[in-house]
Amino acid sequence: MYGWMFRLLPGPLWFRVLLTLALIAGVLVLMVQFLFPWMSQFTGFTDSTIGFTGATPIAVQS
């Protein structure tokens, strides 16, 4: 899949490599700016229990 995309890019090899790196950087920036913040509301990775004082821990009976 990436081979045909690389062959479609114009210019000599050094320019295609530079353009590919710029495209990858652009996709990563868009993902960090828009996709990951939108996805964070659907995952539990941002939930924190540090400083939570709402419930008391269950006492262990011996």
N, C-alpha and C. Protein backbone atom coordinates (compact mmCIF):
# COMPACT_ATOMS: atom_id res chain seq x y z
N MET A 1 0.82 -1.18 0.00
CA MET A 1 0.00 0.00 0.00
C MET A 1 0.87 1.25 0.00
N TYR A 2 1.89 1.29 0.82
CA TYR A 2 2.72 2.49 0.90
C TYR A 2 3.63 2.62 -0.31
N GLY A 3 3.94 1.51 -0.97
CA GLY A 3 4.78 1.56 -2.15
C GLY A 3 4.14 2.34 -3.29
N TRP A 4 2.86 2.09 -3.56
CA TRP A 4 2.21 2.82 -4.65
C TRP A 4 1.99 4.27 -4.29
N MET A 5 1.80 4.56 -3.00
CA MET A 5 1.67 5.96 -2.58
C MET A 5 3.00 6.69 -2.79
N PHE A 6 4.11 6.01 -2.46
CA PHE A 6 5.43 6.61 -2.62
C PHE A 6 5.74 6.84 -4.09
N ARG A 7 5.33 5.91 -4.96
CA ARG A 7 5.58 6.06 -6.40
C ARG A 7 4.73 7.16 -7.01
N LEU A 8 3.58 7.49 -6.42
CA LEU A 8 2.73 8.55 -6.95
C LEU A 8 3.26 9.95 -6.65
N LEU A 9 4.14 10.07 -5.66
CA LEU A 9 4.66 11.39 -5.31
C LEU A 9 5.59 11.89 -6.41
N PRO A 10 5.55 13.19 -6.69
CA PRO A 10 6.39 13.73 -7.77
C PRO A 10 7.82 13.98 -7.32
N GLY A 11 8.72 14.08 -8.29
CA GLY A 11 10.09 14.51 -8.03
C GLY A 11 11.07 13.37 -7.86
N PRO A 12 12.33 13.76 -7.63
CA PRO A 12 13.39 12.76 -7.42
C PRO A 12 13.26 12.10 -6.05
N LEU A 13 14.07 11.10 -5.83
CA LEU A 13 13.98 10.29 -4.60
C LEU A 13 14.13 11.14 -3.35
N TRP A 14 15.12 12.04 -3.31
CA TRP A 14 15.34 12.83 -2.10
C TRP A 14 14.13 13.71 -1.79
N PHE A 15 13.46 14.20 -2.83
CA PHE A 15 12.27 15.04 -2.62
C PHE A 15 11.09 14.20 -2.14
N ARG A 16 10.95 13.00 -2.67
CA ARG A 16 9.86 12.12 -2.23
C ARG A 16 10.04 11.71 -0.78
N VAL A 17 11.29 11.45 -0.38
CA VAL A 17 11.56 11.11 1.02
C VAL A 17 11.22 12.29 1.91
N LEU A 18 11.63 13.49 1.51
CA LEU A 18 11.33 14.69 2.29
C LEU A 18 9.83 14.94 2.36
N LEU A 19 9.14 14.77 1.24
CA LEU A 19 7.70 14.96 1.21
C LEU A 19 6.98 13.91 2.06
N THR A 20 7.46 12.68 2.03
CA THR A 20 6.87 11.62 2.86
C THR A 20 7.03 11.94 4.34
N LEU A 21 8.20 12.40 4.74
CA LEU A 21 8.42 12.77 6.15
C LEU A 21 7.52 13.94 6.55
N ALA A 22 7.33 14.91 5.65
CA ALA A 22 6.45 16.04 5.95
C ALA A 22 5.00 15.58 6.06
N LEU A 23 4.58 14.67 5.20
CA LEU A 23 3.20 14.16 5.28
C LEU A 23 2.98 13.37 6.57
N ILE A 24 3.95 12.56 6.95
CA ILE A 24 3.84 11.80 8.21
C ILE A 24 3.76 12.75 9.40
N ALA A 25 4.61 13.80 9.40
CA ALA A 25 4.58 14.78 10.49
C ALA A 25 3.23 15.50 10.54
N GLY A 26 2.69 15.82 9.36
CA GLY A 26 1.40 16.50 9.32
C GLY A 26 0.28 15.63 9.86
N VAL A 27 0.30 14.35 9.51
CA VAL A 27 -0.73 13.43 10.02
C VAL A 27 -0.60 13.28 11.53
N LEU A 28 0.62 13.20 12.03
CA LEU A 28 0.81 13.08 13.48
C LEU A 28 0.32 14.33 14.22
N VAL A 29 0.59 15.50 13.66
CA VAL A 29 0.12 16.74 14.29
C VAL A 29 -1.40 16.78 14.31
N LEU A 30 -2.04 16.41 13.21
CA LEU A 30 -3.50 16.39 13.18
C LEU A 30 -4.07 15.39 14.18
N MET A 31 -3.43 14.25 14.33
CA MET A 31 -3.92 13.26 15.29
C MET A 31 -3.79 13.77 16.72
N VAL A 32 -2.66 14.41 17.04
CA VAL A 32 -2.46 14.91 18.40
C VAL A 32 -3.40 16.08 18.69
N GLN A 33 -3.65 16.93 17.70
CA GLN A 33 -4.49 18.10 17.92
C GLN A 33 -5.99 17.79 17.96
N PHE A 34 -6.44 16.84 17.14
CA PHE A 34 -7.88 16.64 16.99
C PHE A 34 -8.35 15.23 17.36
N LEU A 35 -7.69 14.22 16.85
CA LEU A 35 -8.19 12.86 17.05
C LEU A 35 -8.03 12.37 18.49
N PHE A 36 -6.83 12.51 19.05
CA PHE A 36 -6.61 11.98 20.39
C PHE A 36 -7.43 12.69 21.46
N PRO A 37 -7.58 14.03 21.44
CA PRO A 37 -8.47 14.65 22.43
C PRO A 37 -9.92 14.20 22.29
N TRP A 38 -10.39 14.02 21.07
CA TRP A 38 -11.76 13.55 20.86
C TRP A 38 -11.91 12.12 21.40
N MET A 39 -10.92 11.26 21.16
CA MET A 39 -11.00 9.87 21.61
C MET A 39 -10.87 9.73 23.12
N SER A 40 -10.24 10.69 23.78
CA SER A 40 -9.99 10.56 25.22
C SER A 40 -11.28 10.51 26.03
N GLN A 41 -12.35 11.08 25.50
CA GLN A 41 -13.61 11.03 26.24
C GLN A 41 -14.24 9.64 26.25
N PHE A 42 -13.79 8.77 25.35
CA PHE A 42 -14.35 7.42 25.27
C PHE A 42 -13.47 6.37 25.95
N THR A 43 -12.32 6.77 26.45
CA THR A 43 -11.42 5.82 27.11
C THR A 43 -11.33 6.14 28.59
N GLY A 44 -10.88 5.17 29.37
CA GLY A 44 -10.73 5.37 30.80
C GLY A 44 -9.32 5.71 31.21
N PHE A 45 -8.46 6.00 30.23
CA PHE A 45 -7.06 6.25 30.55
C PHE A 45 -6.85 7.57 31.27
N THR A 46 -7.77 8.50 31.15
CA THR A 46 -7.60 9.80 31.79
C THR A 46 -8.28 9.86 33.15
N ASP A 47 -8.97 8.81 33.55
CA ASP A 47 -9.60 8.79 34.86
C ASP A 47 -8.53 8.66 35.94
N SER A 48 -8.67 9.43 36.97
CA SER A 48 -7.68 9.41 38.04
C SER A 48 -8.38 9.20 39.37
N THR A 49 -7.76 8.45 40.24
CA THR A 49 -8.30 8.23 41.58
C THR A 49 -7.41 8.88 42.64
N ILE A 50 -6.40 9.59 42.22
CA ILE A 50 -5.51 10.27 43.17
C ILE A 50 -6.25 11.46 43.75
N GLY A 51 -6.30 11.53 45.06
CA GLY A 51 -6.97 12.61 45.73
C GLY A 51 -8.48 12.43 45.83
N PHE A 52 -8.99 11.28 45.46
CA PHE A 52 -10.43 11.01 45.55
C PHE A 52 -10.80 10.74 46.99
N THR A 53 -11.72 11.51 47.53
CA THR A 53 -12.12 11.36 48.94
C THR A 53 -13.59 11.02 49.06
N GLY A 54 -14.24 10.62 47.99
CA GLY A 54 -15.68 10.38 48.02
C GLY A 54 -16.10 9.14 48.79
N ALA A 55 -15.36 8.06 48.71
CA ALA A 55 -15.77 6.80 49.36
C ALA A 55 -14.66 6.34 50.30
N THR A 56 -15.09 5.68 51.35
CA THR A 56 -14.10 5.14 52.28
C THR A 56 -13.74 3.72 51.85
N PRO A 57 -12.53 3.31 52.09
CA PRO A 57 -12.14 1.95 51.70
C PRO A 57 -12.86 0.90 52.53
N ILE A 58 -13.06 -0.24 51.98
CA ILE A 58 -13.71 -1.35 52.67
C ILE A 58 -12.74 -1.93 53.70
N ALA A 59 -13.22 -2.07 54.92
CA ALA A 59 -12.37 -2.62 55.97
C ALA A 59 -12.25 -4.13 55.80
N VAL A 60 -11.05 -4.62 56.01
CA VAL A 60 -10.80 -6.06 55.90
C VAL A 60 -11.11 -6.69 57.26
N GLN A 61 -12.00 -7.68 57.25
CA GLN A 61 -12.36 -8.36 58.50
C GLN A 61 -11.46 -9.58 58.67
N SER A 62 -11.00 -9.74 59.89
CA SER A 62 -10.14 -10.91 60.17
C SER A 62 -10.81 -11.95 60.99
